[in-house]
Amino acid sequence: MRSVAVLAVDEVVPFDLSVPLEIFGRSSYDDGTPCYDIRVCAERPAISSRFFALASLGNLDFLAEQADTIIVPGSLSYLAEPSDRLAATLRHAYDRGARVASICLGAFTLAAVGLLDGRRATTHWMVAADLARIYPRVRVDPAVLFVEEGRVLTSAGAAAGLDLCLHMVRRDLGSAIAADMARLSVMPLTRQGGQAQFIAERPRLQAGRDSINPTLEWAESELDEKITVADLADHAGVSRRTLIRRFHEQVRMTPREWLQTVRVRRAQELLERTDSTVESIAEHTGFASVAALRQAFRKTVGVTPQEYRRAFG
């Protein structure tokens, strides 16, 4: 049985704490046998939250020496440095081979102990700039729901923790059990189009007259065409230089990076949900060739399209 430790810290965000307990704690095989041994661990027997107190918590020994997966929820005191003991425990667990994941603001804890150095990572879009500023060795990507970099995973805010945990269950146990958990949680196993993650600050910029949201929505609806950066600028009615500046301000990507990312995400959907050939998928996602799709897919996802289909199709 796989084992999961959920770290409870002072000011823990209740939703972040409950998500892994719900997903991993309720995952079971057909005969009802639990898939995971999941425990809540903390430095002290009790911790305080702004909303409640947690008592009778497990100590860090299980997290340090036994857990296959460690989940670090966010804390409302996310800027506080973790204790030396906690930092050493997390590093030791990773060094012995544990998979370590954060939900939302929990990325600040992983960054503080050095587990995100040199890695791509994400967190809630409202504090992504803070994460990049405080920890410049982290390659912060605020435009995605979650990031998987080997044995280190990070998720964006709120419901993205569900996406991350379902992804890990699917990695561990396959699509069938993960799909069962998605149905219990009343959400899709893979959110359609992944969607709002590509418009990192959309809630603040939706009404602005300089918002590029209409152009992003148009481009996503026309991905089967060979859209270029010039096409994006023409649709937005601005110069190429102005478009690049607005992309940097609103999406935290270059137009070319954004186009490649949404094309890869669409390709993932087609690989999961259809029997279309890789050649056909390349054509319907706007890639110039199958080779271009394969190169972009491996760079973004970490595996080839064929490997991804075998795992998730």
C-alpha atoms as a PDB file:
ATOM      1  CA  MET A   1       0.000   0.000   0.000  1.00  0.00           C
ATOM      2  CA  ARG A   2       1.302   3.439  -0.910  1.00  0.00           C
ATOM      3  CA  SER A   3       1.707   5.921   1.930  1.00  0.00           C
ATOM      4  CA  VAL A   4       0.951   9.651   1.963  1.00  0.00           C
ATOM      5  CA  ALA A   5       1.867  12.242   4.591  1.00  0.00           C
ATOM      6  CA  VAL A   6       0.015  15.563   4.637  1.00  0.00           C
ATOM      7  CA  LEU A   7       1.946  18.273   6.465  1.00  0.00           C
ATOM      8  CA  ALA A   8      -0.085  20.435   8.852  1.00  0.00           C
ATOM      9  CA  VAL A   9       1.437  23.772   9.809  1.00  0.00           C
ATOM     10  CA  ASP A  10       0.141  26.782  11.725  1.00  0.00           C
ATOM     11  CA  GLU A  11      -2.358  28.851   9.744  1.00  0.00           C
ATOM     12  CA  VAL A  12      -2.870  25.955   7.317  1.00  0.00           C
ATOM     13  CA  VAL A  13      -5.441  26.690   4.597  1.00  0.00           C
ATOM     14  CA  PRO A  14      -8.377  24.359   5.378  1.00  0.00           C
ATOM     15  CA  PHE A  15      -9.230  23.584   1.760  1.00  0.00           C
ATOM     16  CA  ASP A  16      -5.616  22.741   0.921  1.00  0.00           C
ATOM     17  CA  LEU A  17      -5.431  20.381   3.889  1.00  0.00           C
ATOM     18  CA  SER A  18      -8.704  18.632   3.096  1.00  0.00           C
ATOM     19  CA  VAL A  19      -8.141  18.019  -0.629  1.00  0.00           C
ATOM     20  CA  PRO A  20      -5.441  15.310  -0.321  1.00  0.00           C
ATOM     21  CA  LEU A  21      -7.337  13.711   2.565  1.00  0.00           C
ATOM     22  CA  GLU A  22     -10.418  13.493   0.351  1.00  0.00           C
ATOM     23  CA  ILE A  23      -8.683  12.245  -2.802  1.00  0.00           C
ATOM     24  CA  PHE A  24      -6.071   9.878  -1.379  1.00  0.00           C
ATOM     25  CA  GLY A  25      -8.121   8.896   1.665  1.00  0.00           C
ATOM     26  CA  ARG A  26     -11.104   7.718  -0.397  1.00  0.00           C
ATOM     27  CA  SER A  27      -9.231   6.040  -3.255  1.00  0.00           C
ATOM     28  CA  SER A  28      -9.897   2.297  -3.176  1.00  0.00           C
ATOM     29  CA  TYR A  29      -9.660  -0.834  -5.312  1.00  0.00           C
ATOM     30  CA  ASP A  30     -12.702  -2.680  -6.633  1.00  0.00           C
ATOM     31  CA  ASP A  31     -12.879  -4.846  -3.505  1.00  0.00           C
ATOM     32  CA  GLY A  32     -12.944  -1.774  -1.260  1.00  0.00           C
ATOM     33  CA  THR A  33      -9.330  -2.061  -0.102  1.00  0.00           C
ATOM     34  CA  PRO A  34      -7.822   1.408   0.464  1.00  0.00           C
ATOM     35  CA  CYS A  35      -5.124   2.360  -2.018  1.00  0.00           C
ATOM     36  CA  TYR A  36      -3.253   4.628   0.378  1.00  0.00           C
ATOM     37  CA  ASP A  37      -2.217   4.855   4.001  1.00  0.00           C
ATOM     38  CA  ILE A  38      -2.637   8.600   4.568  1.00  0.00           C
ATOM     39  CA  ARG A  39      -1.713  10.486   7.725  1.00  0.00           C
ATOM     40  CA  VAL A  40      -1.613  14.113   8.847  1.00  0.00           C
ATOM     41  CA  CYS A  41       1.794  14.983  10.322  1.00  0.00           C
ATOM     42  CA  ALA A  42       3.064  18.043  12.151  1.00  0.00           C
ATOM     43  CA  GLU A  43       6.002  19.246  14.197  1.00  0.00           C
ATOM     44  CA  ARG A  44       3.814  19.397  17.302  1.00  0.00           C
ATOM     45  CA  PRO A  45       0.844  17.307  18.551  1.00  0.00           C
ATOM     46  CA  ALA A  46      -1.452  20.288  17.900  1.00  0.00           C
ATOM     47  CA  ILE A  47      -1.410  23.224  15.539  1.00  0.00           C
ATOM     48  CA  SER A  48      -3.607  26.284  15.183  1.00  0.00           C
ATOM     49  CA  SER A  49      -5.450  27.550  12.156  1.00  0.00           C
ATOM     50  CA  ARG A  50      -7.227  30.833  11.810  1.00  0.00           C
ATOM     51  CA  PHE A  51     -10.469  28.871  11.691  1.00  0.00           C
ATOM     52  CA  PHE A  52      -9.907  25.859  13.949  1.00  0.00           C
ATOM     53  CA  ALA A  53      -7.315  23.858  15.881  1.00  0.00           C
ATOM     54  CA  LEU A  54      -5.987  20.410  15.020  1.00  0.00           C
ATOM     55  CA  ALA A  55      -4.902  18.013  17.747  1.00  0.00           C
ATOM     56  CA  SER A  56      -3.550  14.457  18.066  1.00  0.00           C
ATOM     57  CA  LEU A  57      -1.463  14.843  14.944  1.00  0.00           C
ATOM     58  CA  GLY A  58       1.229  12.398  13.917  1.00  0.00           C
ATOM     59  CA  ASN A  59       4.832  13.480  14.307  1.00  0.00           C
ATOM     60  CA  LEU A  60       7.295  14.018  11.491  1.00  0.00           C
ATOM     61  CA  ASP A  61       8.878  10.553  11.727  1.00  0.00           C
ATOM     62  CA  PHE A  62       6.351   9.006   9.333  1.00  0.00           C
ATOM     63  CA  LEU A  63       6.874  11.862   6.900  1.00  0.00           C
ATOM     64  CA  ALA A  64      10.643  11.689   7.189  1.00  0.00           C
ATOM     65  CA  GLU A  65      11.190   7.946   6.914  1.00  0.00           C
ATOM     66  CA  GLN A  66       8.145   6.159   5.480  1.00  0.00           C
ATOM     67  CA  ALA A  67       5.834   8.270   3.326  1.00  0.00           C
ATOM     68  CA  ASP A  68       6.054   7.630  -0.411  1.00  0.00           C
ATOM     69  CA  THR A  69       4.329  10.964  -1.090  1.00  0.00           C
ATOM     70  CA  ILE A  70       4.393  14.172   0.963  1.00  0.00           C
ATOM     71  CA  ILE A  71       1.794  16.889   0.430  1.00  0.00           C
ATOM     72  CA  VAL A  72       2.519  20.416   1.671  1.00  0.00           C
ATOM     73  CA  PRO A  73      -0.680  22.515   1.863  1.00  0.00           C
ATOM     74  CA  GLY A  74      -0.604  26.280   1.835  1.00  0.00           C
ATOM     75  CA  SER A  75      -0.464  28.411   4.939  1.00  0.00           C
ATOM     76  CA  LEU A  76      -1.849  31.891   5.483  1.00  0.00           C
ATOM     77  CA  SER A  77       1.596  32.605   6.980  1.00  0.00           C
ATOM     78  CA  TYR A  78       3.285  31.477   3.773  1.00  0.00           C
ATOM     79  CA  LEU A  79       6.055  34.076   4.014  1.00  0.00           C
ATOM     80  CA  ALA A  80       7.267  32.654   7.343  1.00  0.00           C
ATOM     81  CA  GLU A  81      10.418  30.565   7.024  1.00  0.00           C
ATOM     82  CA  PRO A  82       9.997  26.883   7.981  1.00  0.00           C
ATOM     83  CA  SER A  83      11.904  25.759  11.050  1.00  0.00           C
ATOM     84  CA  ASP A  84      15.338  24.213  10.601  1.00  0.00           C
ATOM     85  CA  ARG A  85      13.903  20.874  11.722  1.00  0.00           C
ATOM     86  CA  LEU A  86      11.079  20.922   9.186  1.00  0.00           C
ATOM     87  CA  ALA A  87      13.402  22.043   6.392  1.00  0.00           C
ATOM     88  CA  ALA A  88      15.852  19.240   7.154  1.00  0.00           C
ATOM     89  CA  THR A  89      13.004  16.709   7.355  1.00  0.00           C
ATOM     90  CA  LEU A  90      11.596  17.645   3.956  1.00  0.00           C
ATOM     91  CA  ARG A  91      15.024  17.557   2.321  1.00  0.00           C
ATOM     92  CA  HIS A  92      15.779  14.183   3.922  1.00  0.00           C
ATOM     93  CA  ALA A  93      12.474  12.721   2.737  1.00  0.00           C
ATOM     94  CA  TYR A  94      13.131  13.882  -0.810  1.00  0.00           C
ATOM     95  CA  ASP A  95      16.722  12.605  -0.750  1.00  0.00           C
ATOM     96  CA  ARG A  96      15.549   9.132   0.278  1.00  0.00           C
ATOM     97  CA  GLY A  97      13.199   9.031  -2.733  1.00  0.00           C
ATOM     98  CA  ALA A  98       9.846  10.466  -1.601  1.00  0.00           C
ATOM     99  CA  ARG A  99       7.630  12.382  -4.025  1.00  0.00           C
ATOM    100  CA  VAL A 100       6.960  15.886  -2.685  1.00  0.00           C
ATOM    101  CA  ALA A 101       4.047  18.085  -3.770  1.00  0.00           C
ATOM    102  CA  SER A 102       2.649  21.437  -2.728  1.00  0.00           C
ATOM    103  CA  ILE A 103      -0.817  22.910  -2.996  1.00  0.00           C
ATOM    104  CA  CYS A 104      -1.169  26.625  -3.683  1.00  0.00           C
ATOM    105  CA  LEU A 105       0.898  28.635  -1.165  1.00  0.00           C
ATOM    106  CA  GLY A 106       2.713  25.478  -0.086  1.00  0.00           C
ATOM    107  CA  ALA A 107       5.146  26.192  -2.925  1.00  0.00           C
ATOM    108  CA  PHE A 108       6.739  28.839  -0.695  1.00  0.00           C
ATOM    109  CA  THR A 109       7.664  26.124   1.814  1.00  0.00           C
ATOM    110  CA  LEU A 110       9.228  23.917  -0.864  1.00  0.00           C
ATOM    111  CA  ALA A 111      11.099  26.922  -2.255  1.00  0.00           C
ATOM    112  CA  ALA A 112      12.356  27.912   1.189  1.00  0.00           C
ATOM    113  CA  VAL A 113      13.917  24.480   1.761  1.00  0.00           C
ATOM    114  CA  GLY A 114      15.545  24.467  -1.683  1.00  0.00           C
ATOM    115  CA  LEU A 115      13.437  21.783  -3.361  1.00  0.00           C
ATOM    116  CA  LEU A 116      12.363  24.127  -6.163  1.00  0.00           C
ATOM    117  CA  ASP A 117      15.817  25.472  -7.013  1.00  0.00           C
ATOM    118  CA  GLY A 118      16.320  25.287 -10.766  1.00  0.00           C
ATOM    119  CA  ARG A 119      12.867  23.824 -11.266  1.00  0.00           C
ATOM    120  CA  ARG A 120       9.746  25.079 -12.966  1.00  0.00           C
ATOM    121  CA  ALA A 121       6.945  25.531 -10.426  1.00  0.00           C
ATOM    122  CA  THR A 122       3.613  27.247  -9.934  1.00  0.00           C
ATOM    123  CA  THR A 123       1.474  28.704  -7.171  1.00  0.00           C
ATOM    124  CA  HIS A 124      -1.586  30.934  -6.877  1.00  0.00           C
ATOM    125  CA  TRP A 125      -1.399  33.585  -9.588  1.00  0.00           C
ATOM    126  CA  MET A 126      -1.839  36.413  -7.079  1.00  0.00           C
ATOM    127  CA  VAL A 127       1.470  35.588  -5.375  1.00  0.00           C
ATOM    128  CA  ALA A 128       3.412  34.118  -8.302  1.00  0.00           C
ATOM    129  CA  ALA A 129       5.417  37.321  -8.700  1.00  0.00           C
ATOM    130  CA  ASP A 130       6.303  37.201  -4.986  1.00  0.00           C
ATOM    131  CA  LEU A 131       7.538  33.623  -5.311  1.00  0.00           C
ATOM    132  CA  ALA A 132       9.727  34.583  -8.277  1.00  0.00           C
ATOM    133  CA  ARG A 133      11.070  37.659  -6.497  1.00  0.00           C
ATOM    134  CA  ILE A 134      11.851  35.988  -3.171  1.00  0.00           C
ATOM    135  CA  TYR A 135      13.237  32.799  -4.712  1.00  0.00           C
ATOM    136  CA  PRO A 136      14.897  33.811  -8.013  1.00  0.00           C
ATOM    137  CA  ARG A 137      16.264  30.290  -8.589  1.00  0.00           C
ATOM    138  CA  VAL A 138      12.701  29.017  -9.077  1.00  0.00           C
ATOM    139  CA  ARG A 139      11.310  29.191 -12.639  1.00  0.00           C
ATOM    140  CA  VAL A 140       7.794  30.329 -11.748  1.00  0.00           C
ATOM    141  CA  ASP A 141       5.039  29.585 -14.268  1.00  0.00           C
ATOM    142  CA  PRO A 142       1.764  31.208 -13.152  1.00  0.00           C
ATOM    143  CA  ALA A 143      -0.131  30.067 -16.241  1.00  0.00           C
ATOM    144  CA  VAL A 144      -0.772  26.401 -15.418  1.00  0.00           C
ATOM    145  CA  LEU A 145      -2.898  24.371 -13.019  1.00  0.00           C
ATOM    146  CA  PHE A 146       0.032  22.281 -11.857  1.00  0.00           C
ATOM    147  CA  VAL A 147       3.626  21.447 -12.702  1.00  0.00           C
ATOM    148  CA  GLU A 148       5.321  18.054 -12.495  1.00  0.00           C
ATOM    149  CA  GLU A 149       9.114  18.150 -12.393  1.00  0.00           C
ATOM    150  CA  GLY A 150      10.265  14.633 -11.616  1.00  0.00           C
ATOM    151  CA  ARG A 151       9.440  13.902  -7.972  1.00  0.00           C
ATOM    152  CA  VAL A 152       8.538  17.518  -7.194  1.00  0.00           C
ATOM    153  CA  LEU A 153       5.057  18.792  -8.051  1.00  0.00           C
ATOM    154  CA  THR A 154       3.365  22.128  -7.406  1.00  0.00           C
ATOM    155  CA  SER A 155      -0.186  23.331  -8.002  1.00  0.00           C
ATOM    156  CA  ALA A 156      -1.908  26.647  -8.433  1.00  0.00           C
ATOM    157  CA  GLY A 157      -4.590  27.894  -6.066  1.00  0.00           C
ATOM    158  CA  ALA A 158      -7.807  26.422  -4.707  1.00  0.00           C
ATOM    159  CA  ALA A 159      -9.307  23.751  -6.971  1.00  0.00           C
ATOM    160  CA  ALA A 160      -5.992  23.194  -8.762  1.00  0.00           C
ATOM    161  CA  GLY A 161      -5.062  21.079  -5.743  1.00  0.00           C
ATOM    162  CA  LEU A 162      -7.774  18.656  -6.849  1.00  0.00           C
ATOM    163  CA  ASP A 163      -6.281  18.538 -10.343  1.00  0.00           C
ATOM    164  CA  LEU A 164      -2.863  17.814  -8.874  1.00  0.00           C
ATOM    165  CA  CYS A 165      -4.035  15.055  -6.517  1.00  0.00           C
ATOM    166  CA  LEU A 166      -6.118  13.362  -9.223  1.00  0.00           C
ATOM    167  CA  HIS A 167      -3.090  13.520 -11.509  1.00  0.00           C
ATOM    168  CA  MET A 168      -0.953  11.751  -8.886  1.00  0.00           C
ATOM    169  CA  VAL A 169      -3.600   9.065  -8.337  1.00  0.00           C
ATOM    170  CA  ARG A 170      -3.722   8.516 -12.090  1.00  0.00           C
ATOM    171  CA  ARG A 171       0.069   8.275 -12.179  1.00  0.00           C
ATOM    172  CA  ASP A 172       0.036   5.751  -9.324  1.00  0.00           C
ATOM    173  CA  LEU A 173      -3.016   3.631 -10.088  1.00  0.00           C
ATOM    174  CA  GLY A 174      -4.229   4.365 -13.589  1.00  0.00           C
ATOM    175  CA  SER A 175      -7.126   6.264 -15.116  1.00  0.00           C
ATOM    176  CA  ALA A 176      -9.947   4.022 -13.849  1.00  0.00           C
ATOM    177  CA  ILE A 177      -9.408   4.653 -10.134  1.00  0.00           C
ATOM    178  CA  ALA A 178      -8.585   8.315 -10.754  1.00  0.00           C
ATOM    179  CA  ALA A 179     -11.801   8.682 -12.764  1.00  0.00           C
ATOM    180  CA  ASP A 180     -13.783   7.156  -9.879  1.00  0.00           C
ATOM    181  CA  MET A 181     -12.328   9.760  -7.535  1.00  0.00           C
ATOM    182  CA  ALA A 182     -13.073  12.525 -10.030  1.00  0.00           C
ATOM    183  CA  ARG A 183     -16.726  11.436 -10.134  1.00  0.00           C
ATOM    184  CA  LEU A 184     -16.900  11.367  -6.332  1.00  0.00           C
ATOM    185  CA  SER A 185     -15.487  14.892  -6.317  1.00  0.00           C
ATOM    186  CA  VAL A 186     -17.965  15.957  -9.019  1.00  0.00           C
ATOM    187  CA  MET A 187     -15.284  17.245 -11.355  1.00  0.00           C
ATOM    188  CA  PRO A 188     -13.697  16.057 -14.608  1.00  0.00           C
ATOM    189  CA  LEU A 189     -10.545  13.981 -14.418  1.00  0.00           C
ATOM    190  CA  THR A 190      -8.934  16.423 -16.847  1.00  0.00           C
ATOM    191  CA  ARG A 191     -10.496  19.865 -16.941  1.00  0.00           C
ATOM    192  CA  GLN A 192     -11.657  20.740 -20.413  1.00  0.00           C
ATOM    193  CA  GLY A 193      -9.082  22.817 -22.218  1.00  0.00           C
ATOM    194  CA  GLY A 194      -7.317  23.640 -18.946  1.00  0.00           C
ATOM    195  CA  GLN A 195      -8.450  26.857 -19.781  1.00  0.00           C
ATOM    196  CA  ALA A 196      -8.294  29.610 -17.305  1.00  0.00           C
ATOM    197  CA  GLN A 197      -4.754  28.694 -16.339  1.00  0.00           C
ATOM    198  CA  PHE A 198      -3.471  30.261 -19.527  1.00  0.00           C
ATOM    199  CA  ILE A 199      -4.847  33.686 -18.576  1.00  0.00           C
ATOM    200  CA  ALA A 200      -3.001  34.102 -15.332  1.00  0.00           C
ATOM    201  CA  GLU A 201      -4.542  37.365 -14.177  1.00  0.00           C
ATOM    202  CA  ARG A 202      -7.862  37.262 -15.991  1.00  0.00           C
ATOM    203  CA  PRO A 203     -10.002  38.187 -12.950  1.00  0.00           C
ATOM    204  CA  ARG A 204      -8.239  41.555 -12.670  1.00  0.00           C
ATOM    205  CA  LEU A 205      -7.953  42.349 -16.373  1.00  0.00           C
ATOM    206  CA  GLN A 206     -11.232  41.139 -17.835  1.00  0.00           C
ATOM    207  CA  ALA A 207     -12.804  44.591 -18.008  1.00  0.00           C
ATOM    208  CA  GLY A 208      -9.720  46.549 -19.058  1.00  0.00           C
ATOM    209  CA  ARG A 209      -9.764  47.998 -22.541  1.00  0.00           C
ATOM    210  CA  ASP A 210      -6.195  46.740 -23.082  1.00  0.00           C
ATOM    211  CA  SER A 211      -7.038  43.154 -22.090  1.00  0.00           C
ATOM    212  CA  ILE A 212      -5.860  40.547 -24.583  1.00  0.00           C
ATOM    213  CA  ASN A 213      -8.455  38.009 -23.396  1.00  0.00           C
ATOM    214  CA  PRO A 214     -10.550  38.303 -26.601  1.00  0.00           C
ATOM    215  CA  THR A 215      -7.470  37.536 -28.674  1.00  0.00           C
ATOM    216  CA  LEU A 216      -6.563  34.554 -26.477  1.00  0.00           C
ATOM    217  CA  GLU A 217     -10.091  33.187 -26.765  1.00  0.00           C
ATOM    218  CA  TRP A 218     -10.042  33.661 -30.539  1.00  0.00           C
ATOM    219  CA  ALA A 219      -6.697  31.906 -30.852  1.00  0.00           C
ATOM    220  CA  GLU A 220      -7.838  28.938 -28.749  1.00  0.00           C
ATOM    221  CA  SER A 221     -10.857  28.532 -31.051  1.00  0.00           C
ATOM    222  CA  GLU A 222      -8.607  28.559 -34.132  1.00  0.00           C
ATOM    223  CA  LEU A 223      -5.778  26.282 -33.011  1.00  0.00           C
ATOM    224  CA  ASP A 224      -6.164  24.042 -36.049  1.00  0.00           C
ATOM    225  CA  GLU A 225      -4.886  26.969 -38.109  1.00  0.00           C
ATOM    226  CA  LYS A 226      -1.204  27.904 -38.311  1.00  0.00           C
ATOM    227  CA  ILE A 227      -1.633  31.005 -36.139  1.00  0.00           C
ATOM    228  CA  THR A 228       1.461  33.189 -35.847  1.00  0.00           C
ATOM    229  CA  VAL A 229       2.467  36.000 -33.498  1.00  0.00           C
ATOM    230  CA  ALA A 230       1.676  38.403 -36.339  1.00  0.00           C
ATOM    231  CA  ASP A 231      -1.852  36.968 -36.513  1.00  0.00           C
ATOM    232  CA  LEU A 232      -2.291  37.578 -32.779  1.00  0.00           C
ATOM    233  CA  ALA A 233      -1.126  41.172 -33.157  1.00  0.00           C
ATOM    234  CA  ASP A 234      -3.476  41.740 -36.100  1.00  0.00           C
ATOM    235  CA  HIS A 235      -6.440  40.352 -34.154  1.00  0.00           C
ATOM    236  CA  ALA A 236      -5.593  42.531 -31.134  1.00  0.00           C
ATOM    237  CA  GLY A 237      -5.159  45.556 -33.409  1.00  0.00           C
ATOM    238  CA  VAL A 238      -1.744  46.395 -31.984  1.00  0.00           C
ATOM    239  CA  SER A 239       1.871  46.263 -33.055  1.00  0.00           C
ATOM    240  CA  ARG A 240       3.950  43.171 -32.450  1.00  0.00           C
ATOM    241  CA  ARG A 241       5.953  45.055 -29.818  1.00  0.00           C
ATOM    242  CA  THR A 242       2.797  46.130 -27.962  1.00  0.00           C
ATOM    243  CA  LEU A 243       1.418  42.595 -28.110  1.00  0.00           C
ATOM    244  CA  ILE A 244       4.580  41.162 -26.579  1.00  0.00           C
ATOM    245  CA  ARG A 245       4.429  43.741 -23.785  1.00  0.00           C
ATOM    246  CA  ARG A 246       0.770  42.958 -23.012  1.00  0.00           C
ATOM    247  CA  PHE A 247       1.485  39.218 -23.004  1.00  0.00           C
ATOM    248  CA  HIS A 248       4.281  39.789 -20.512  1.00  0.00           C
ATOM    249  CA  GLU A 249       2.031  41.901 -18.276  1.00  0.00           C
ATOM    250  CA  GLN A 250      -1.112  39.762 -18.440  1.00  0.00           C
ATOM    251  CA  VAL A 251      -0.012  36.195 -19.148  1.00  0.00           C
ATOM    252  CA  ARG A 252       3.625  36.181 -18.003  1.00  0.00           C
ATOM    253  CA  MET A 253       4.604  34.447 -21.264  1.00  0.00           C
ATOM    254  CA  THR A 254       5.712  35.479 -24.700  1.00  0.00           C
ATOM    255  CA  PRO A 255       3.074  35.038 -27.437  1.00  0.00           C
ATOM    256  CA  ARG A 256       5.110  32.210 -28.936  1.00  0.00           C
ATOM    257  CA  GLU A 257       5.351  30.401 -25.566  1.00  0.00           C
ATOM    258  CA  TRP A 258       1.619  30.793 -25.012  1.00  0.00           C
ATOM    259  CA  LEU A 259       0.755  29.410 -28.450  1.00  0.00           C
ATOM    260  CA  GLN A 260       2.979  26.399 -27.918  1.00  0.00           C
ATOM    261  CA  THR A 261       1.539  25.744 -24.472  1.00  0.00           C
ATOM    262  CA  VAL A 262      -2.112  25.820 -25.545  1.00  0.00           C
ATOM    263  CA  ARG A 263      -1.325  23.645 -28.560  1.00  0.00           C
ATOM    264  CA  VAL A 264       0.342  21.053 -26.347  1.00  0.00           C
ATOM    265  CA  ARG A 265      -2.577  21.122 -23.882  1.00  0.00           C
ATOM    266  CA  ARG A 266      -5.024  20.586 -26.730  1.00  0.00           C
ATOM    267  CA  ALA A 267      -2.861  17.732 -28.010  1.00  0.00           C
ATOM    268  CA  GLN A 268      -2.998  16.162 -24.533  1.00  0.00           C
ATOM    269  CA  GLU A 269      -6.795  16.236 -24.627  1.00  0.00           C
ATOM    270  CA  LEU A 270      -6.907  14.627 -28.053  1.00  0.00           C
ATOM    271  CA  LEU A 271      -4.441  11.937 -27.006  1.00  0.00           C
ATOM    272  CA  GLU A 272      -6.556  11.144 -23.950  1.00  0.00           C
ATOM    273  CA  ARG A 273     -10.014  11.333 -25.489  1.00  0.00           C
ATOM    274  CA  THR A 274      -9.679  10.241 -29.115  1.00  0.00           C
ATOM    275  CA  ASP A 275      -8.026   7.567 -31.254  1.00  0.00           C
ATOM    276  CA  SER A 276      -6.675  10.150 -33.699  1.00  0.00           C
ATOM    277  CA  THR A 277      -3.175   9.543 -35.017  1.00  0.00           C
ATOM    278  CA  VAL A 278      -0.323  11.753 -33.857  1.00  0.00           C
ATOM    279  CA  GLU A 279      -0.131  13.050 -37.425  1.00  0.00           C
ATOM    280  CA  SER A 280      -3.792  14.105 -37.320  1.00  0.00           C
ATOM    281  CA  ILE A 281      -3.375  15.670 -33.872  1.00  0.00           C
ATOM    282  CA  ALA A 282      -0.396  17.692 -35.075  1.00  0.00           C
ATOM    283  CA  GLU A 283      -2.513  19.017 -37.941  1.00  0.00           C
ATOM    284  CA  HIS A 284      -5.492  19.881 -35.714  1.00  0.00           C
ATOM    285  CA  THR A 285      -3.403  21.671 -33.098  1.00  0.00           C
ATOM    286  CA  GLY A 286      -1.581  23.967 -35.501  1.00  0.00           C
ATOM    287  CA  PHE A 287       1.885  22.398 -35.383  1.00  0.00           C
ATOM    288  CA  ALA A 288       3.921  22.665 -38.564  1.00  0.00           C
ATOM    289  CA  SER A 289       4.832  18.980 -38.453  1.00  0.00           C
ATOM    290  CA  VAL A 290       4.693  15.837 -36.331  1.00  0.00           C
ATOM    291  CA  ALA A 291       8.311  16.462 -35.374  1.00  0.00           C
ATOM    292  CA  ALA A 292       7.409  19.938 -34.103  1.00  0.00           C
ATOM    293  CA  LEU A 293       4.583  18.454 -32.008  1.00  0.00           C
ATOM    294  CA  ARG A 294       6.849  15.803 -30.540  1.00  0.00           C
ATOM    295  CA  GLN A 295       9.547  18.335 -29.661  1.00  0.00           C
ATOM    296  CA  ALA A 296       7.121  20.779 -28.017  1.00  0.00           C
ATOM    297  CA  PHE A 297       5.240  17.982 -26.245  1.00  0.00           C
ATOM    298  CA  ARG A 298       8.366  16.485 -24.698  1.00  0.00           C
ATOM    299  CA  LYS A 299       9.584  19.929 -23.622  1.00  0.00           C
ATOM    300  CA  THR A 300       6.262  20.804 -21.951  1.00  0.00           C
ATOM    301  CA  VAL A 301       5.025  17.447 -20.612  1.00  0.00           C
ATOM    302  CA  GLY A 302       8.270  15.527 -20.217  1.00  0.00           C
ATOM    303  CA  VAL A 303       7.302  12.508 -22.344  1.00  0.00           C
ATOM    304  CA  THR A 304       6.514  11.821 -25.993  1.00  0.00           C
ATOM    305  CA  PRO A 305       2.912  11.913 -27.273  1.00  0.00           C
ATOM    306  CA  GLN A 306       2.950   8.119 -27.636  1.00  0.00           C
ATOM    307  CA  GLU A 307       4.166   7.635 -24.058  1.00  0.00           C
ATOM    308  CA  TYR A 308       1.509  10.043 -22.813  1.00  0.00           C
ATOM    309  CA  ARG A 309      -1.258   8.153 -24.658  1.00  0.00           C
ATOM    310  CA  ARG A 310      -0.093   4.821 -23.216  1.00  0.00           C
ATOM    311  CA  ALA A 311      -0.276   6.287 -19.707  1.00  0.00           C
ATOM    312  CA  PHE A 312      -3.459   8.340 -19.961  1.00  0.00           C
ATOM    313  CA  GLY A 313      -5.363   7.324 -23.078  1.00  0.00           C
END
